[in-house]
Amino acid sequence: MLELLIYIIIWCLCVYGLMSIFQDISRSSTYKKIEKNIKLIMTVKNVEEGIENYVRELSFGRNFFNNLVIIDMDSNDDTLRILRELEEENVNMKILTKKEGEGYLQQLH
């Protein structure tokens, strides 16, 4: 009798574990569908001193580079050059000039 009870408990735990795994799989696939539709768009101007650290911290532990668009608003310093270097490291990040950014934003509407 005790063996049967232990056997039933073990089966219940196995079924519960399998259900948890299937729930986790369905949640992760739903998250990936939602994640593709989310874009983080930033405008920057004359922030050469902090932009590299900011972008690196923003992306740390996440895959924001797939969804990150930075629009340079005609900076007078090296902001655009720094962003282009970051773009070369992270192919999926978009860096746009002010004019390109205006066109990009109009496409989103």
C-alpha atoms as a PDB file:
ATOM      1  CA  MET A   1       0.000   0.000   0.000  1.00  0.00           C
ATOM      2  CA  LEU A   2       2.812   2.426   0.884  1.00  0.00           C
ATOM      3  CA  GLU A   3       4.623   1.565  -2.354  1.00  0.00           C
ATOM      4  CA  LEU A   4       1.488   2.339  -4.374  1.00  0.00           C
ATOM      5  CA  LEU A   5       1.112   5.694  -2.636  1.00  0.00           C
ATOM      6  CA  ILE A   6       4.764   6.577  -3.332  1.00  0.00           C
ATOM      7  CA  TYR A   7       4.334   5.459  -6.960  1.00  0.00           C
ATOM      8  CA  ILE A   8       1.258   7.712  -7.384  1.00  0.00           C
ATOM      9  CA  ILE A   9       3.047  10.687  -5.813  1.00  0.00           C
ATOM     10  CA  ILE A  10       6.045  10.243  -8.115  1.00  0.00           C
ATOM     11  CA  TRP A  11       3.786  10.083 -11.192  1.00  0.00           C
ATOM     12  CA  CYS A  12       1.939  13.205 -10.095  1.00  0.00           C
ATOM     13  CA  LEU A  13       5.228  15.065  -9.695  1.00  0.00           C
ATOM     14  CA  CYS A  14       6.385  13.875 -13.137  1.00  0.00           C
ATOM     15  CA  VAL A  15       3.167  15.051 -14.787  1.00  0.00           C
ATOM     16  CA  TYR A  16       3.396  18.381 -12.944  1.00  0.00           C
ATOM     17  CA  GLY A  17       7.008  18.785 -14.103  1.00  0.00           C
ATOM     18  CA  LEU A  18       6.091  18.089 -17.726  1.00  0.00           C
ATOM     19  CA  MET A  19       3.238  20.576 -17.578  1.00  0.00           C
ATOM     20  CA  SER A  20       5.608  23.215 -16.178  1.00  0.00           C
ATOM     21  CA  ILE A  21       8.074  22.590 -18.998  1.00  0.00           C
ATOM     22  CA  PHE A  22       5.359  22.981 -21.646  1.00  0.00           C
ATOM     23  CA  GLN A  23       4.157  26.211 -20.034  1.00  0.00           C
ATOM     24  CA  ASP A  24       7.699  27.625 -20.032  1.00  0.00           C
ATOM     25  CA  ILE A  25       8.142  26.728 -23.709  1.00  0.00           C
ATOM     26  CA  SER A  26       4.865  28.378 -24.690  1.00  0.00           C
ATOM     27  CA  ARG A  27       5.710  31.514 -22.693  1.00  0.00           C
ATOM     28  CA  SER A  28       9.143  31.867 -24.270  1.00  0.00           C
ATOM     29  CA  SER A  29       7.782  31.547 -27.809  1.00  0.00           C
ATOM     30  CA  THR A  30       5.086  34.137 -27.038  1.00  0.00           C
ATOM     31  CA  TYR A  31       7.732  36.498 -25.632  1.00  0.00           C
ATOM     32  CA  LYS A  32       9.846  36.155 -28.766  1.00  0.00           C
ATOM     33  CA  LYS A  33       6.852  37.079 -30.944  1.00  0.00           C
ATOM     34  CA  ILE A  34       6.182  40.177 -28.845  1.00  0.00           C
ATOM     35  CA  GLU A  35       9.876  41.103 -28.637  1.00  0.00           C
ATOM     36  CA  LYS A  36      10.165  41.360 -32.443  1.00  0.00           C
ATOM     37  CA  ASN A  37       7.516  44.096 -32.502  1.00  0.00           C
ATOM     38  CA  ILE A  38       9.098  46.276 -29.813  1.00  0.00           C
ATOM     39  CA  LYS A  39      11.618  48.927 -30.870  1.00  0.00           C
ATOM     40  CA  LEU A  40      13.618  51.206 -28.606  1.00  0.00           C
ATOM     41  CA  ILE A  41      14.225  54.476 -30.452  1.00  0.00           C
ATOM     42  CA  MET A  42      16.588  57.059 -28.944  1.00  0.00           C
ATOM     43  CA  THR A  43      17.529  60.489 -30.180  1.00  0.00           C
ATOM     44  CA  VAL A  44      20.937  61.837 -29.209  1.00  0.00           C
ATOM     45  CA  LYS A  45      22.905  65.033 -29.729  1.00  0.00           C
ATOM     46  CA  ASN A  46      26.414  65.938 -28.569  1.00  0.00           C
ATOM     47  CA  VAL A  47      26.820  63.119 -26.043  1.00  0.00           C
ATOM     48  CA  GLU A  48      30.188  61.709 -27.112  1.00  0.00           C
ATOM     49  CA  GLU A  49      31.456  61.365 -23.535  1.00  0.00           C
ATOM     50  CA  GLY A  50      28.772  58.995 -22.305  1.00  0.00           C
ATOM     51  CA  ILE A  51      27.056  57.405 -25.289  1.00  0.00           C
ATOM     52  CA  GLU A  52      29.279  54.342 -25.618  1.00  0.00           C
ATOM     53  CA  ASN A  53      28.916  53.381 -21.952  1.00  0.00           C
ATOM     54  CA  TYR A  54      25.196  54.060 -22.036  1.00  0.00           C
ATOM     55  CA  VAL A  55      24.588  51.842 -25.061  1.00  0.00           C
ATOM     56  CA  ARG A  56      26.761  49.061 -23.640  1.00  0.00           C
ATOM     57  CA  GLU A  57      24.972  49.196 -20.270  1.00  0.00           C
ATOM     58  CA  LEU A  58      21.605  49.280 -21.981  1.00  0.00           C
ATOM     59  CA  SER A  59      22.391  46.103 -23.883  1.00  0.00           C
ATOM     60  CA  PHE A  60      24.154  44.240 -21.052  1.00  0.00           C
ATOM     61  CA  GLY A  61      22.474  40.890 -20.483  1.00  0.00           C
ATOM     62  CA  ARG A  62      19.790  41.633 -23.057  1.00  0.00           C
ATOM     63  CA  ASN A  63      19.508  41.432 -26.787  1.00  0.00           C
ATOM     64  CA  PHE A  64      18.391  45.032 -27.308  1.00  0.00           C
ATOM     65  CA  PHE A  65      20.675  45.472 -30.285  1.00  0.00           C
ATOM     66  CA  ASN A  66      18.063  43.736 -32.435  1.00  0.00           C
ATOM     67  CA  ASN A  67      15.540  46.401 -31.514  1.00  0.00           C
ATOM     68  CA  LEU A  68      17.675  49.478 -30.838  1.00  0.00           C
ATOM     69  CA  VAL A  69      17.490  52.463 -33.196  1.00  0.00           C
ATOM     70  CA  ILE A  70      19.547  55.564 -32.381  1.00  0.00           C
ATOM     71  CA  ILE A  71      18.947  58.778 -34.298  1.00  0.00           C
ATOM     72  CA  ASP A  72      21.740  61.351 -34.173  1.00  0.00           C
ATOM     73  CA  MET A  73      20.255  64.854 -34.272  1.00  0.00           C
ATOM     74  CA  ASP A  74      23.169  66.564 -36.084  1.00  0.00           C
ATOM     75  CA  SER A  75      25.749  66.319 -33.305  1.00  0.00           C
ATOM     76  CA  ASN A  76      28.707  68.717 -33.475  1.00  0.00           C
ATOM     77  CA  ASP A  77      31.051  66.317 -31.664  1.00  0.00           C
ATOM     78  CA  ASP A  78      32.124  62.696 -32.278  1.00  0.00           C
ATOM     79  CA  THR A  79      28.816  61.132 -31.204  1.00  0.00           C
ATOM     80  CA  LEU A  80      27.976  59.852 -34.686  1.00  0.00           C
ATOM     81  CA  ARG A  81      31.473  58.378 -35.178  1.00  0.00           C
ATOM     82  CA  ILE A  82      31.265  56.540 -31.843  1.00  0.00           C
ATOM     83  CA  LEU A  83      27.820  55.231 -32.711  1.00  0.00           C
ATOM     84  CA  ARG A  84      29.028  54.010 -36.118  1.00  0.00           C
ATOM     85  CA  GLU A  85      31.851  52.107 -34.386  1.00  0.00           C
ATOM     86  CA  LEU A  86      29.331  50.495 -32.046  1.00  0.00           C
ATOM     87  CA  GLU A  87      27.155  49.665 -35.035  1.00  0.00           C
ATOM     88  CA  GLU A  88      30.077  47.833 -36.659  1.00  0.00           C
ATOM     89  CA  GLU A  89      30.495  45.713 -33.505  1.00  0.00           C
ATOM     90  CA  ASN A  90      26.763  45.016 -33.268  1.00  0.00           C
ATOM     91  CA  VAL A  91      25.388  44.500 -36.737  1.00  0.00           C
ATOM     92  CA  ASN A  92      21.720  44.509 -35.661  1.00  0.00           C
ATOM     93  CA  MET A  93      21.768  47.991 -34.107  1.00  0.00           C
ATOM     94  CA  LYS A  94      20.571  50.830 -36.380  1.00  0.00           C
ATOM     95  CA  ILE A  95      22.265  54.216 -36.338  1.00  0.00           C
ATOM     96  CA  LEU A  96      20.559  56.925 -38.367  1.00  0.00           C
ATOM     97  CA  THR A  97      21.242  60.569 -39.116  1.00  0.00           C
ATOM     98  CA  LYS A  98      18.526  63.140 -38.474  1.00  0.00           C
ATOM     99  CA  LYS A  99      17.305  63.018 -42.064  1.00  0.00           C
ATOM    100  CA  GLU A 100      17.331  59.201 -42.182  1.00  0.00           C
ATOM    101  CA  GLY A 101      15.574  59.135 -38.821  1.00  0.00           C
ATOM    102  CA  GLU A 102      12.741  61.336 -40.059  1.00  0.00           C
ATOM    103  CA  GLY A 103      12.155  58.926 -42.949  1.00  0.00           C
ATOM    104  CA  TYR A 104      12.352  55.920 -40.658  1.00  0.00           C
ATOM    105  CA  LEU A 105       9.817  57.362 -38.229  1.00  0.00           C
ATOM    106  CA  GLN A 106       7.431  58.184 -41.067  1.00  0.00           C
ATOM    107  CA  GLN A 107       7.624  54.546 -42.234  1.00  0.00           C
ATOM    108  CA  LEU A 108       6.520  53.372 -38.795  1.00  0.00           C
ATOM    109  CA  HIS A 109       3.228  55.263 -39.062  1.00  0.00           C
END
